[in-house]
C-alpha cells in the first residue's frame, strides 16, 4: 500500500525563551492511500494543529511532514501553495464557501485556479454536484442552501481536483445528526469507490465509529493508533 502521508518526530511549539507551550511533541505516524482516518481527543490535544501541519497551513518547529513523497515543511511559500492546490483538499467546519459565488462556482474554483478549461470544469463539476446530491442546485448561492448542502458543496470543491488527500476539520459539527450521517455516508462512499484518502479531526463519536484508523491524541502526543477491521463493501454499492 502506498504511503500518502508521513510525520516524523513532528513538534510544534509556541512561545519564546522559557515560556513554551507544546501543541504537538515528537509525533510520528504514517497514512496509506485509501485510509479513512480520524484524529480524536479532547480540546487542546493537538488535533487541529496536526491537521494544519499536514495541510501546510502551518509549519512544524521540528520534524518532517511528507505528503505524497514531498517534504512540505521545507517548501517555499509559493511551492507550498502549488502543492496544496494539486495534492490536498480541505473541508472546513464553517464550510468556507465564497458567498458571492454559486454552488457550481464554489465547486469549480480550484479547477479554475489549476487552469482547467471551461469545458473540462463543466464536465467535472456537474457530475460531482450530482454525485454529492446537489443536482439542480448548481445556481444557488450559499445563503440559499442548508448547512448540509453547503457542506456538500465544500466536499465537491475538496475532491474536484482529485487530490491525494482530503482533510476535514470537524465536518459534522454544524449540522444535525441526520445530515451528519448523510455526509459521512457520502465521504465513506467516495473513499471506497474512488480511493480518496480522508483525515478528519473530530469530537463526534459517529465519525470515530466510521473511521477505519483512529489516532487518539492527548496533550500533543499520540496515545494510541487503533486499527479497525475494514468494512467489506462492494464497489458501487449504494
Protein backbone atom coordinates (compact mmCIF):
# COMPACT_ATOMS: atom_id res chain seq x y z
CA UNK A 1 0.00 0.00 0.00
CA UNK A 2 1.39 3.41 -0.98
CA UNK A 3 2.17 5.81 1.85
CA UNK A 4 0.44 9.13 1.17
CA UNK A 5 1.47 10.93 4.37
CA UNK A 6 4.32 10.61 6.83
CA UNK A 7 5.01 12.55 10.03
CA UNK A 8 8.46 12.07 11.51
CA UNK A 9 9.24 13.36 15.03
CA UNK A 10 6.99 16.40 14.47
CA UNK A 11 6.95 19.04 17.19
CA UNK A 12 5.06 22.33 17.19
CA UNK A 13 5.79 24.78 19.95
CA UNK A 14 4.60 28.30 20.69
CA UNK A 15 6.15 30.99 22.86
CA UNK A 16 9.67 32.26 23.49
CA UNK A 17 12.52 31.62 25.88
CA UNK A 18 11.49 29.67 28.97
CA UNK A 19 7.79 30.11 28.24
CA UNK A 20 6.95 27.43 25.69
CA UNK A 21 3.77 25.54 25.01
CA UNK A 22 3.90 22.32 23.01
CA UNK A 23 0.87 21.86 20.76
CA UNK A 24 2.47 18.67 19.38
CA UNK A 25 5.51 16.87 20.73
CA UNK A 26 7.58 14.30 18.83
CA UNK A 27 4.69 12.87 16.81
CA UNK A 28 5.32 10.20 14.17
CA UNK A 29 2.77 8.33 12.07
CA UNK A 30 2.06 7.22 8.52
CA UNK A 31 -1.12 7.22 6.45
CA UNK A 32 -1.66 4.99 3.43
CA UNK A 33 -3.53 5.81 0.26
CA UNK A 34 -7.21 5.00 0.77
CA UNK A 35 -7.17 5.35 4.57
CA UNK A 36 -10.28 6.70 6.31
CA UNK A 37 -8.71 8.12 9.46
CA UNK A 38 -9.88 10.24 12.39
CA UNK A 39 -7.78 12.29 14.80
CA UNK A 40 -9.60 12.12 18.14
CA UNK A 41 -9.00 13.66 21.53
CA UNK A 42 -10.14 16.37 23.94
CA UNK A 43 -9.83 20.08 23.18
CA UNK A 44 -6.18 21.09 23.30
CA UNK A 45 -4.96 17.60 22.41
CA UNK A 46 -3.36 18.78 19.15
CA UNK A 47 -5.91 17.63 16.53
CA UNK A 48 -6.30 20.93 14.71
CA UNK A 49 -2.57 21.68 14.95
CA UNK A 50 -1.79 18.33 13.33
CA UNK A 51 -4.34 18.92 10.58
CA UNK A 52 -2.89 22.39 9.91
CA UNK A 53 0.64 20.96 9.67
CA UNK A 54 -0.47 18.17 7.33
CA UNK A 55 -2.25 20.72 5.14
CA UNK A 56 0.73 23.07 5.05
CA UNK A 57 -1.27 25.83 6.76
CA UNK A 58 1.39 25.88 9.48
CA UNK A 59 4.96 24.63 9.75
CA UNK A 60 6.46 22.34 12.40
CA UNK A 61 9.05 23.70 14.81
CA UNK A 62 10.96 20.44 14.41
CA UNK A 63 10.46 17.28 12.39
CA UNK A 64 9.27 16.42 8.92
CA UNK A 65 5.87 16.26 7.20
CA UNK A 66 5.79 14.42 3.86
CA UNK A 67 2.76 14.50 1.55
CA UNK A 68 2.92 12.10 -1.40
CA UNK A 69 6.69 11.87 -1.02
CA UNK A 70 7.32 15.63 -0.75
CA UNK A 71 8.71 17.16 2.47
CA UNK A 72 6.31 20.08 2.73
CA UNK A 73 7.99 21.52 5.83
CA UNK A 74 10.90 22.66 3.62
CA UNK A 75 8.94 24.15 0.73
CA UNK A 76 8.86 27.86 -0.07
CA UNK A 77 5.52 29.65 0.28
CA UNK A 78 4.85 29.51 -3.46
CA UNK A 79 5.75 25.83 -3.79
CA UNK A 80 3.59 25.03 -0.77
CA UNK A 81 0.61 26.84 -2.31
CA UNK A 82 1.05 24.87 -5.53
CA UNK A 83 1.26 21.58 -3.65
CA UNK A 84 -1.92 22.39 -1.68
CA UNK A 85 -3.66 23.30 -4.91
CA UNK A 86 -2.89 19.96 -6.56
CA UNK A 87 -2.49 17.48 -3.71
CA UNK A 88 -4.72 18.50 -0.78
CA UNK A 89 -8.45 19.14 -0.48
CA UNK A 90 -9.92 20.91 2.55
CA UNK A 91 -13.36 20.58 4.17
CA UNK A 92 -13.73 23.20 6.90
CA UNK A 93 -16.08 23.19 9.88
CA UNK A 94 -17.54 26.55 8.82
CA UNK A 95 -17.75 25.48 5.12
CA UNK A 96 -15.65 28.50 3.95
CA UNK A 97 -17.68 28.94 0.78
CA UNK A 98 -17.38 32.22 -1.12
CA UNK A 99 -20.78 33.92 -0.55
CA UNK A 100 -20.89 35.76 -3.91
CA UNK A 101 -20.30 32.55 -5.89
CA UNK A 102 -22.90 29.91 -6.71
CA UNK A 103 -22.58 26.26 -5.67
CA UNK A 104 -21.19 25.50 -9.13
CA UNK A 105 -18.68 28.38 -9.00
CA UNK A 106 -17.53 27.45 -5.49
CA UNK A 107 -17.01 23.83 -6.51
CA UNK A 108 -15.12 24.71 -9.70
CA UNK A 109 -12.86 27.30 -8.02
CA UNK A 110 -9.86 25.00 -7.50
CA UNK A 111 -10.10 23.69 -11.08
CA UNK A 112 -10.18 27.27 -12.33
CA UNK A 113 -7.02 28.06 -10.32
CA UNK A 114 -5.40 24.98 -11.87
CA UNK A 115 -6.14 26.32 -15.35
CA UNK A 116 -8.65 23.65 -16.41
CA UNK A 117 -10.71 24.57 -19.48
CA UNK A 118 -14.33 25.73 -19.19
CA UNK A 119 -15.46 22.51 -20.87
CA UNK A 120 -13.46 20.30 -18.52
CA UNK A 121 -14.68 22.24 -15.46
CA UNK A 122 -18.29 21.91 -16.52
CA UNK A 123 -17.98 18.19 -17.20
CA UNK A 124 -16.38 17.51 -13.83
CA UNK A 125 -18.40 19.83 -11.63
CA UNK A 126 -21.85 18.96 -12.98
CA UNK A 127 -21.02 15.28 -12.46
CA UNK A 128 -19.67 15.94 -8.96
CA UNK A 129 -22.64 18.04 -7.83
CA UNK A 130 -24.93 15.23 -8.95
CA UNK A 131 -22.76 12.74 -7.10
CA UNK A 132 -22.98 14.70 -3.83
CA UNK A 133 -26.74 15.10 -4.13
CA UNK A 134 -26.92 18.71 -5.38
CA UNK A 135 -28.25 18.08 -8.89
CA UNK A 136 -30.38 21.09 -9.86
CA UNK A 137 -28.92 23.35 -7.15
CA UNK A 138 -25.80 24.43 -9.02
CA UNK A 139 -27.00 28.03 -9.44
CA UNK A 140 -27.90 28.60 -5.80
CA UNK A 141 -25.76 30.79 -3.56
CA UNK A 142 -24.55 29.57 -0.15
CA UNK A 143 -27.24 31.65 1.63
CA UNK A 144 -29.87 29.71 -0.34
CA UNK A 145 -28.55 26.33 0.82
CA UNK A 146 -28.93 24.48 4.12
CA UNK A 147 -25.87 23.76 6.28
CA UNK A 148 -25.72 20.19 5.00
CA UNK A 149 -25.98 21.34 1.38
CA UNK A 150 -23.20 23.90 1.92
CA UNK A 151 -21.00 21.15 3.36
CA UNK A 152 -21.75 19.02 0.28
CA UNK A 153 -20.54 21.89 -1.92
CA UNK A 154 -17.40 22.06 0.25
CA UNK A 155 -16.85 18.31 -0.25
CA UNK A 156 -17.33 18.66 -4.01
CA UNK A 157 -14.79 21.51 -4.05
CA UNK A 158 -12.34 19.45 -1.97
CA UNK A 159 -12.38 16.45 -4.32
CA UNK A 160 -12.83 18.24 -7.67
CA UNK A 161 -9.10 18.26 -8.40
CA UNK A 162 -8.72 14.61 -7.35
CA UNK A 163 -6.22 15.40 -4.56
CA UNK A 164 -4.02 12.82 -2.86
CA UNK A 165 -5.54 13.74 0.48
CA UNK A 166 -8.72 15.35 1.86
CA UNK A 167 -8.52 16.99 5.29
CA UNK A 168 -11.83 17.54 7.10
CA UNK A 169 -11.88 19.66 10.26
CA UNK A 170 -14.93 18.73 12.38
CA UNK A 171 -17.05 18.28 9.22
CA UNK A 172 -20.22 17.26 11.14
CA UNK A 173 -20.03 19.93 13.85
CA UNK A 174 -22.53 22.40 12.38
CA UNK A 175 -25.18 20.00 11.06
CA UNK A 176 -27.88 17.84 12.65
CA UNK A 177 -27.39 14.10 13.19
CA UNK A 178 -29.39 13.08 10.11
CA UNK A 179 -27.36 15.39 7.86
CA UNK A 180 -24.13 14.26 9.56
CA UNK A 181 -24.97 10.63 8.74
CA UNK A 182 -25.66 11.53 5.10
CA UNK A 183 -22.34 13.43 4.85
CA UNK A 184 -20.44 10.53 6.39
CA UNK A 185 -22.17 8.10 4.02
CA UNK A 186 -21.07 10.31 1.13
CA UNK A 187 -17.44 10.60 2.25
CA UNK A 188 -17.24 6.89 3.01
CA UNK A 189 -18.59 6.11 -0.46
CA UNK A 190 -16.07 8.46 -2.10
CA UNK A 191 -13.33 6.78 -0.08
CA UNK A 192 -14.48 3.27 -1.03
CA UNK A 193 -15.27 3.87 -4.70
CA UNK A 194 -12.62 6.44 -5.64
CA UNK A 195 -9.89 5.54 -3.15
CA UNK A 196 -9.76 9.10 -1.79
CA UNK A 197 -7.81 9.33 1.48
CA UNK A 198 -9.69 11.19 4.24
CA UNK A 199 -8.28 12.52 7.52
CA UNK A 200 -10.77 14.01 9.99
CA UNK A 201 -10.28 15.92 13.20
CA UNK A 202 -13.32 15.28 15.33
CA UNK A 203 -15.12 15.11 18.66
CA UNK A 204 -18.05 13.30 17.02
CA UNK A 205 -18.48 9.64 18.11
CA UNK A 206 -20.23 8.93 14.79
CA UNK A 207 -17.10 9.96 12.86
CA UNK A 208 -14.86 7.96 15.20
CA UNK A 209 -17.10 4.92 14.70
CA UNK A 210 -16.84 5.16 10.90
CA UNK A 211 -13.07 5.69 10.84
CA UNK A 212 -11.04 2.61 9.96
CA UNK A 213 -7.99 4.06 11.68
CA UNK A 214 -8.37 6.10 14.87
CA UNK A 215 -5.48 8.20 16.19
CA UNK A 216 -6.01 9.10 19.85
CA UNK A 217 -4.23 12.32 20.86
CA UNK A 218 -3.67 13.74 24.34
CA UNK A 219 -1.53 16.71 25.37
CA UNK A 220 0.09 16.89 21.94
CA UNK A 221 1.14 13.25 21.82
CA UNK A 222 -0.26 10.12 20.20
CA UNK A 223 -1.62 7.86 22.94
CA UNK A 224 -2.77 5.07 20.65
CA UNK A 225 -3.36 4.27 16.99
CA UNK A 226 -6.37 1.99 16.70
CA UNK A 227 -6.63 -0.03 13.50
CA UNK A 228 -10.12 -1.34 12.83
CA UNK A 229 -11.18 -4.12 10.55
CA UNK A 230 -12.02 -2.90 7.05
CA UNK A 231 -15.72 -2.88 6.36
CA UNK A 232 -16.44 -5.13 3.41
CA UNK A 233 -18.38 -3.22 0.82
CA UNK A 234 -18.95 -4.00 -2.79
CA UNK A 235 -17.70 -1.30 -5.20
CA UNK A 236 -20.54 0.97 -6.33
CA UNK A 237 -22.75 -0.33 -3.50
CA UNK A 238 -25.34 2.20 -2.54
